[in-house]
Amino acid sequence: MPASTFVFTVTVTLERESGKFMSRDEMQGELEETLTQADPGSVEGGPDGDSVYQVIEWEVTATA
């Protein structure tokens, strides 16, 4: 059983700098892939700096 579950909402605003326009689906796919690859694996810290929690589940859900 997991010790704790957290839910974060990430808001991303994009502004084109150059090149051809991408579709919203393409932008969403690129952002979703980047977030999925950001899996931290573990969280460390605590009052004595010796607490370690393993990330047992990582899910990215896109809502457009």
Protein backbone atom coordinates (compact mmCIF):
# COMPACT_ATOMS: atom_id res chain seq x y z
CA MET A 1 0.00 0.00 0.00
CA PRO A 2 1.45 3.40 -0.97
CA ALA A 3 2.44 5.72 1.85
CA SER A 4 1.02 8.80 0.11
CA THR A 5 -0.60 9.76 -3.17
CA PHE A 6 -0.24 13.23 -4.71
CA VAL A 7 -1.98 14.82 -7.69
CA PHE A 8 -0.48 17.84 -9.44
CA THR A 9 -2.03 19.93 -12.19
CA VAL A 10 0.44 21.30 -14.72
CA THR A 11 -0.55 24.21 -16.95
CA VAL A 12 1.58 24.85 -20.02
CA THR A 13 1.25 27.88 -22.29
CA LEU A 14 3.10 27.76 -25.61
CA GLU A 15 4.08 30.58 -27.94
CA ARG A 16 5.55 29.81 -31.38
CA GLU A 17 9.01 31.24 -31.97
CA SER A 18 9.73 29.94 -35.45
CA GLY A 19 8.93 27.32 -38.07
CA LYS A 20 5.62 26.02 -39.32
CA PHE A 21 2.59 25.73 -37.07
CA MET A 22 2.07 22.45 -35.20
CA SER A 23 -1.38 21.03 -34.54
CA ARG A 24 -2.69 21.03 -30.95
CA ASP A 25 -2.53 17.22 -31.01
CA GLU A 26 1.18 17.34 -31.93
CA MET A 27 1.93 19.87 -29.19
CA GLN A 28 0.01 17.83 -26.63
CA GLY A 29 1.85 14.66 -27.67
CA GLU A 30 5.26 16.31 -27.33
CA LEU A 31 4.42 17.73 -23.89
CA GLU A 32 2.94 14.43 -22.68
CA GLU A 33 6.08 12.55 -23.79
CA THR A 34 8.32 15.05 -21.98
CA LEU A 35 6.31 14.79 -18.76
CA THR A 36 6.20 10.99 -18.92
CA GLN A 37 10.00 10.84 -19.28
CA ALA A 38 10.40 13.08 -16.19
CA ASP A 39 9.72 10.13 -13.82
CA PRO A 40 11.75 10.92 -10.67
CA GLY A 41 12.18 7.33 -9.44
CA SER A 42 12.47 8.39 -5.80
CA VAL A 43 11.98 11.29 -3.39
CA GLU A 44 14.60 11.99 -0.72
CA GLY A 45 14.85 14.40 2.21
CA GLY A 46 13.16 14.58 5.59
CA PRO A 47 14.19 16.23 8.86
CA ASP A 48 17.47 14.29 9.03
CA GLY A 49 17.95 14.08 5.27
CA ASP A 50 17.84 10.28 5.32
CA SER A 51 14.24 9.57 4.26
CA VAL A 52 13.82 7.81 0.90
CA TYR A 53 10.52 7.07 -0.84
CA GLN A 54 10.40 5.02 -4.04
CA VAL A 55 7.98 6.16 -6.75
CA ILE A 56 5.85 3.07 -7.37
CA GLU A 57 3.41 4.57 -9.86
CA TRP A 58 3.76 7.44 -12.32
CA GLU A 59 0.90 8.46 -14.61
CA VAL A 60 0.50 11.36 -17.00
CA THR A 61 -3.05 12.04 -18.15
CA ALA A 62 -3.58 14.59 -20.88
CA THR A 63 -6.72 16.70 -20.99
CA ALA A 64 -7.07 19.07 -23.89
